[in-house]
Amino acid sequence: MSIHDFPVELHQAILAHLPLPDLLSAHHVNGVWRSLVPRSTTPHRLFLFNLAFLPHECDPYPHPVTLTTRLTYVEYIESTYSVRIPEEYRIVLTEWPISIPPAGIHWPHGLRFFDDPVKGCTCSRRQFENLQCGCKRRECYADSIFIVTTLLDRIHAGEDFDFEADVESRCELFDKPPLDAPETRMQTLRLLNSYRDFVVVPDNHDYTTASAVTLGIWKRAKWSKLSLLVLDMSAYPITIVDPDSDTEETRVHISRSHLILTGAAKGQIHGWSMSTWYDGFHAENFFEWRVEELKEEQLQALRGGE
């Protein structure tokens, strides 16, 4: 009996459990498997399988990261922070067989820092006098969203209101954040609505202490704070109008894209900035995340002009 004599269901059962590298090899075994591979694997592996036959737009790719390094990174993050990286990102890290990322995707700066802390630094340390790198400290941590509680209550109640109106309850969250647009605004509302649990705290509550961090639960006072465990992904430049300028002078700030690790929004990617708080929605998951690769001169500037 040869492999051709096995029933189709058995072929599909075999292919369904193959990791991506073996799936790519199986595609070349024979015509039967070539036709069955796209129909037998998981949606995540099928997505990557289709990308495997496309060239990357960067040739040569300037920041390769080996599979061995990526496996070590996954083990380190998950064991250190007791989390599981969302599947769309995890499967790329653990199964993509070559050092060059899939077409349309770039290796995140957080991964590149793990691979090479010197060349991979993107923490904008040039802004600080001591020039100490902060990439390690920021690799996985709790980032937050602040919003006036009266506005949060209206959002949770499903009320319609004019985001452009100068209402008393408006705060930085909807006061022209850099990534604000009708589509991203709706995704931001969805993020806020994904978390409904809360505890009431005094108006003078100190949100900055470590003991004050409660993940995925709103802390409600006059202002409400939601803390989310995030994995640092990449730096990206944003241009904003200087509010103190009479001539609408613009300034470039560096923000960070973060992958949410826990709760109802796990797997989504959103932007945060020290300069502007919450920037806005990036992508539903890693597969949908598209970011423009920073130029080498931008990377050098972030590292302090080295």
Protein backbone atom coordinates (compact mmCIF):
# COMPACT_ATOMS: atom_id res chain seq x y z
CA MET A 1 0.00 0.00 0.00
CA SER A 2 1.33 3.44 -0.94
CA ILE A 3 0.45 6.85 0.43
CA HIS A 4 -1.89 7.35 -2.51
CA ASP A 5 -4.08 4.50 -1.23
CA PHE A 6 -4.93 6.28 2.04
CA PRO A 7 -8.39 7.88 2.22
CA VAL A 8 -8.57 11.65 1.79
CA GLU A 9 -9.74 12.04 5.39
CA LEU A 10 -6.51 10.48 6.64
CA HIS A 11 -4.42 12.77 4.46
CA GLN A 12 -6.28 15.76 5.86
CA ALA A 13 -5.87 14.55 9.44
CA ILE A 14 -2.11 14.31 8.92
CA LEU A 15 -1.82 17.73 7.32
CA ALA A 16 -4.03 19.42 9.91
CA HIS A 17 -1.42 18.92 12.63
CA LEU A 18 1.71 19.89 10.72
CA PRO A 19 3.53 23.09 11.74
CA LEU A 20 4.22 25.58 8.98
CA PRO A 21 7.74 24.37 7.97
CA ASP A 22 6.47 20.80 7.58
CA LEU A 23 3.40 22.06 5.78
CA LEU A 24 5.57 23.81 3.21
CA SER A 25 7.55 20.60 2.72
CA ALA A 26 4.36 18.54 2.44
CA HIS A 27 3.21 20.81 -0.36
CA HIS A 28 5.99 19.34 -2.51
CA VAL A 29 5.38 15.64 -1.69
CA ASN A 30 2.82 14.87 -4.37
CA GLY A 31 -0.17 16.25 -6.20
CA VAL A 32 -2.64 14.95 -3.63
CA TRP A 33 -1.03 16.79 -0.75
CA ARG A 34 -0.47 19.86 -2.90
CA SER A 35 -4.21 20.12 -3.42
CA LEU A 36 -5.12 19.22 0.17
CA VAL A 37 -2.73 21.48 2.08
CA PRO A 38 -4.76 24.70 1.61
CA ARG A 39 -7.94 22.90 2.69
CA SER A 40 -6.56 20.95 5.64
CA THR A 41 -4.54 23.33 7.77
CA THR A 42 -5.62 25.94 10.32
CA PRO A 43 -6.61 29.48 9.24
CA HIS A 44 -3.49 30.97 10.82
CA ARG A 45 -1.15 28.57 9.07
CA LEU A 46 -3.01 29.00 5.79
CA PHE A 47 -2.50 32.76 6.02
CA LEU A 48 1.26 32.28 6.41
CA PHE A 49 1.36 29.47 3.86
CA ASN A 50 0.00 31.84 1.21
CA LEU A 51 2.55 34.52 2.15
CA ALA A 52 5.41 32.03 1.85
CA PHE A 53 5.23 32.20 -1.93
CA LEU A 54 5.39 36.01 -2.11
CA PRO A 55 8.62 38.06 -2.20
CA HIS A 56 9.29 40.54 0.59
CA GLU A 57 9.22 44.17 -0.50
CA CYS A 58 12.58 44.81 1.20
CA ASP A 59 15.36 43.03 -0.66
CA PRO A 60 17.62 42.43 1.11
CA TYR A 61 15.68 42.66 4.37
CA PRO A 62 17.77 44.84 6.72
CA HIS A 63 16.77 43.34 10.09
CA PRO A 64 16.64 39.51 9.90
CA VAL A 65 15.86 37.53 13.07
CA THR A 66 16.47 33.78 13.18
CA LEU A 67 13.87 31.24 14.21
CA THR A 68 16.10 30.18 17.11
CA THR A 69 16.14 33.73 18.47
CA ARG A 70 12.38 34.04 18.06
CA LEU A 71 11.73 30.79 19.92
CA THR A 72 13.96 32.01 22.75
CA TYR A 73 12.10 35.34 22.79
CA VAL A 74 8.71 33.62 23.09
CA GLU A 75 9.91 31.38 25.91
CA TYR A 76 11.43 34.37 27.71
CA ILE A 77 8.37 36.64 27.45
CA GLU A 78 5.86 33.94 28.36
CA SER A 79 7.82 32.56 31.32
CA THR A 80 8.92 35.94 32.67
CA TYR A 81 5.50 37.61 32.54
CA SER A 82 3.23 34.54 32.87
CA VAL A 83 1.36 35.30 29.65
CA ARG A 84 0.76 33.67 26.30
CA ILE A 85 1.51 35.79 23.26
CA PRO A 86 -1.61 36.14 21.05
CA GLU A 87 -1.73 33.43 18.42
CA GLU A 88 -1.39 35.54 15.27
CA TYR A 89 1.95 36.91 16.47
CA ARG A 90 3.03 33.75 18.25
CA ILE A 91 2.71 31.49 15.22
CA VAL A 92 4.85 33.85 13.13
CA LEU A 93 7.50 33.91 15.85
CA THR A 94 7.54 30.15 16.39
CA GLU A 95 6.86 28.67 12.95
CA TRP A 96 8.01 31.08 10.24
CA PRO A 97 11.07 29.16 9.02
CA ILE A 98 13.37 31.89 7.69
CA SER A 99 14.98 35.02 9.14
CA ILE A 100 13.14 37.35 6.76
CA PRO A 101 9.54 38.08 7.89
CA PRO A 102 6.50 37.26 5.74
CA ALA A 103 5.65 39.60 2.86
CA GLY A 104 4.07 42.83 4.07
CA ILE A 105 5.30 42.32 7.63
CA HIS A 106 8.29 43.71 9.53
CA TRP A 107 9.85 42.25 12.64
CA PRO A 108 8.75 44.48 15.54
CA HIS A 109 11.35 46.65 17.23
CA GLY A 110 10.78 44.87 20.55
CA LEU A 111 11.88 41.59 18.98
CA ARG A 112 14.83 43.23 17.26
CA PHE A 113 15.98 44.71 20.58
CA PHE A 114 15.90 41.23 22.12
CA ASP A 115 18.04 40.01 19.23
CA ASP A 116 20.52 42.91 19.36
CA PRO A 117 20.15 45.47 22.21
CA VAL A 118 22.48 47.93 20.50
CA LYS A 119 21.10 48.02 16.98
CA GLY A 120 17.57 47.24 18.14
CA CYS A 121 17.17 50.17 20.55
CA THR A 122 14.28 52.49 19.60
CA CYS A 123 13.41 54.06 22.95
CA SER A 124 14.10 57.68 21.89
CA ARG A 125 16.73 58.03 24.60
CA ARG A 126 18.08 61.10 22.81
CA GLN A 127 15.31 63.04 24.61
CA PHE A 128 16.85 62.43 28.02
CA GLU A 129 20.06 63.73 29.53
CA ASN A 130 21.35 60.41 30.84
CA LEU A 131 20.84 58.65 27.49
CA GLN A 132 19.97 55.39 29.26
CA CYS A 133 18.15 52.84 27.12
CA GLY A 134 14.62 52.07 28.31
CA CYS A 135 13.74 49.27 25.88
CA LYS A 136 14.30 46.48 28.41
CA ARG A 137 12.15 48.16 31.04
CA ARG A 138 9.31 48.66 28.56
CA GLU A 139 9.30 45.22 26.89
CA CYS A 140 6.11 44.09 28.66
CA TYR A 141 4.21 46.25 31.15
CA ALA A 142 0.88 47.82 32.08
CA ASP A 143 -0.11 50.82 29.96
CA SER A 144 -3.22 52.84 30.66
CA ILE A 145 -6.11 54.80 29.26
CA PHE A 146 -7.57 57.72 31.21
CA ILE A 147 -11.01 59.13 30.51
CA VAL A 148 -13.45 61.39 32.36
CA THR A 149 -15.91 59.07 34.09
CA THR A 150 -18.99 60.97 32.90
CA LEU A 151 -17.89 60.37 29.31
CA LEU A 152 -17.09 56.71 30.00
CA ASP A 153 -20.59 56.22 31.41
CA ARG A 154 -22.11 57.66 28.24
CA ILE A 155 -19.96 55.34 26.11
CA HIS A 156 -20.93 52.28 28.15
CA ALA A 157 -24.58 53.33 27.90
CA GLY A 158 -24.30 53.37 24.10
CA GLU A 159 -25.15 57.06 23.77
CA ASP A 160 -24.41 58.93 20.57
CA PHE A 161 -22.54 62.20 20.94
CA ASP A 162 -20.53 64.59 18.85
CA PHE A 163 -16.82 63.93 19.34
CA GLU A 164 -15.99 67.26 17.72
CA ALA A 165 -18.15 69.27 20.10
CA ASP A 166 -16.35 71.10 22.87
CA VAL A 167 -18.23 69.34 25.65
CA GLU A 168 -17.17 69.51 29.26
CA SER A 169 -16.46 65.80 29.49
CA ARG A 170 -14.08 65.60 26.55
CA CYS A 171 -10.49 64.73 27.40
CA GLU A 172 -7.29 63.83 25.60
CA LEU A 173 -8.75 60.52 24.44
CA PHE A 174 -10.97 62.24 21.87
CA ASP A 175 -9.28 65.62 21.66
CA LYS A 176 -7.76 64.96 18.23
CA PRO A 177 -5.47 62.03 19.07
CA PRO A 178 -2.93 61.49 16.27
CA LEU A 179 -4.61 58.39 14.84
CA ASP A 180 -8.16 59.69 15.15
CA ALA A 181 -10.44 58.94 12.21
CA PRO A 182 -14.02 57.63 12.00
CA GLU A 183 -12.87 54.01 11.67
CA THR A 184 -10.21 54.11 14.37
CA ARG A 185 -12.56 56.07 16.65
CA MET A 186 -15.13 53.29 16.45
CA GLN A 187 -12.41 50.76 17.29
CA THR A 188 -11.44 52.87 20.30
CA LEU A 189 -15.05 52.84 21.47
CA ARG A 190 -15.10 49.08 21.03
CA LEU A 191 -11.95 48.82 23.16
CA LEU A 192 -13.54 50.88 25.94
CA ASN A 193 -16.73 48.83 25.77
CA SER A 194 -14.76 45.58 25.96
CA TYR A 195 -13.98 46.29 29.61
CA ARG A 196 -16.98 46.84 31.89
CA ASP A 197 -15.82 45.77 35.36
CA PHE A 198 -14.83 48.55 37.73
CA VAL A 199 -13.96 49.49 41.28
CA VAL A 200 -14.67 52.89 42.84
CA VAL A 201 -11.67 54.74 44.26
CA PRO A 202 -11.37 58.15 45.96
CA ASP A 203 -10.79 61.20 43.78
CA ASN A 204 -7.36 61.60 45.40
CA HIS A 205 -6.40 57.99 44.59
CA ASP A 206 -2.72 57.63 43.63
CA TYR A 207 -2.79 55.87 40.25
CA THR A 208 1.00 55.78 40.00
CA THR A 209 1.84 53.25 42.70
CA ALA A 210 2.49 49.65 41.70
CA SER A 211 -0.21 48.42 44.09
CA ALA A 212 -2.71 50.63 42.28
CA VAL A 213 -2.42 48.65 39.03
CA THR A 214 -5.39 46.33 38.45
CA LEU A 215 -5.39 44.88 34.95
CA GLY A 216 -8.55 44.99 32.86
CA ILE A 217 -10.68 46.71 35.52
CA TRP A 218 -11.65 50.37 35.47
CA LYS A 219 -10.70 52.40 38.52
CA ARG A 220 -13.45 54.97 38.79
CA ALA A 221 -13.29 58.37 40.42
CA LYS A 222 -13.80 61.73 38.68
CA TRP A 223 -11.45 60.22 36.13
CA SER A 224 -11.40 56.55 35.25
CA LYS A 225 -8.27 54.56 34.49
CA LEU A 226 -7.99 51.26 32.62
CA SER A 227 -4.67 49.41 32.82
CA LEU A 228 -3.85 46.77 30.22
CA LEU A 229 -0.88 44.42 30.03
CA VAL A 230 0.85 45.09 26.72
CA LEU A 231 3.80 43.79 24.75
CA ASP A 232 5.91 46.52 23.21
CA MET A 233 6.00 46.23 19.44
CA SER A 234 7.50 49.16 17.52
CA ALA A 235 8.22 52.86 17.50
CA TYR A 236 6.49 55.06 14.96
CA PRO A 237 6.78 58.81 14.29
CA ILE A 238 3.75 61.08 14.47
CA THR A 239 3.51 64.72 13.48
CA ILE A 240 1.27 66.88 15.65
CA VAL A 241 0.50 70.58 15.72
CA ASP A 242 2.14 72.36 18.64
CA PRO A 243 -0.79 73.63 20.76
CA ASP A 244 1.38 76.48 22.06
CA SER A 245 2.26 77.73 18.59
CA ASP A 246 0.39 80.61 16.95
CA THR A 247 1.61 79.51 13.51
CA GLU A 248 0.45 75.88 13.79
CA GLU A 249 4.05 74.74 13.97
CA THR A 250 4.37 70.96 13.87
CA ARG A 251 6.50 68.67 15.98
CA VAL A 252 7.48 65.05 15.46
CA HIS A 253 7.02 62.70 18.39
CA ILE A 254 7.82 59.03 18.72
CA SER A 255 4.95 56.83 19.83
CA ARG A 256 4.79 53.10 20.50
CA SER A 257 2.51 50.40 19.16
CA HIS A 258 1.52 47.85 21.80
CA LEU A 259 0.00 44.39 21.57
CA ILE A 260 -2.68 43.83 24.23
CA LEU A 261 -2.01 40.57 26.07
CA THR A 262 -5.03 40.02 28.31
CA GLY A 263 -8.77 40.54 28.44
CA ALA A 264 -11.43 40.97 25.80
CA ALA A 265 -9.15 43.00 23.50
CA LYS A 266 -6.29 40.47 23.60
CA GLY A 267 -4.42 40.46 20.31
CA GLN A 268 -5.38 43.98 19.25
CA ILE A 269 -2.64 46.53 18.57
CA HIS A 270 -3.07 50.13 19.72
CA GLY A 271 -0.78 53.14 19.92
CA TRP A 272 0.36 54.98 23.03
CA SER A 273 2.65 57.95 23.50
CA MET A 274 4.23 59.67 26.46
CA SER A 275 3.55 62.95 24.70
CA THR A 276 -0.08 62.41 23.78
CA TRP A 277 -1.30 59.52 25.96
CA TYR A 278 -3.43 57.16 23.90
CA ASP A 279 -2.89 57.56 20.15
CA GLY A 280 -5.52 55.24 18.71
CA PHE A 281 -6.24 51.90 17.08
CA HIS A 282 -3.71 50.15 14.83
CA ALA A 283 -4.96 46.68 13.99
CA GLU A 284 -7.29 43.88 15.08
CA ASN A 285 -4.35 41.46 15.24
CA PHE A 286 -0.76 40.97 14.12
CA PHE A 287 -1.78 39.64 10.71
CA GLU A 288 -3.59 42.91 9.95
CA TRP A 289 -0.92 45.20 11.39
CA ARG A 290 0.93 47.17 8.75
CA VAL A 291 3.67 49.58 9.74
CA GLU A 292 6.14 51.47 7.63
CA GLU A 293 9.74 50.51 8.31
CA LEU A 294 11.75 53.37 9.82
CA LYS A 295 14.64 54.66 7.75
CA GLU A 296 18.14 54.01 9.02
CA GLU A 297 18.67 57.68 9.85
CA GLN A 298 15.50 57.63 11.98
CA LEU A 299 16.74 54.57 13.84
CA GLN A 300 20.11 56.22 14.44
CA ALA A 301 18.38 59.33 15.79
CA LEU A 302 16.40 57.20 18.23
CA ARG A 303 19.63 55.60 19.44
CA GLY A 304 21.10 59.01 20.15
CA GLY A 305 22.67 59.72 16.79
CA GLU A 306 25.27 56.95 17.05
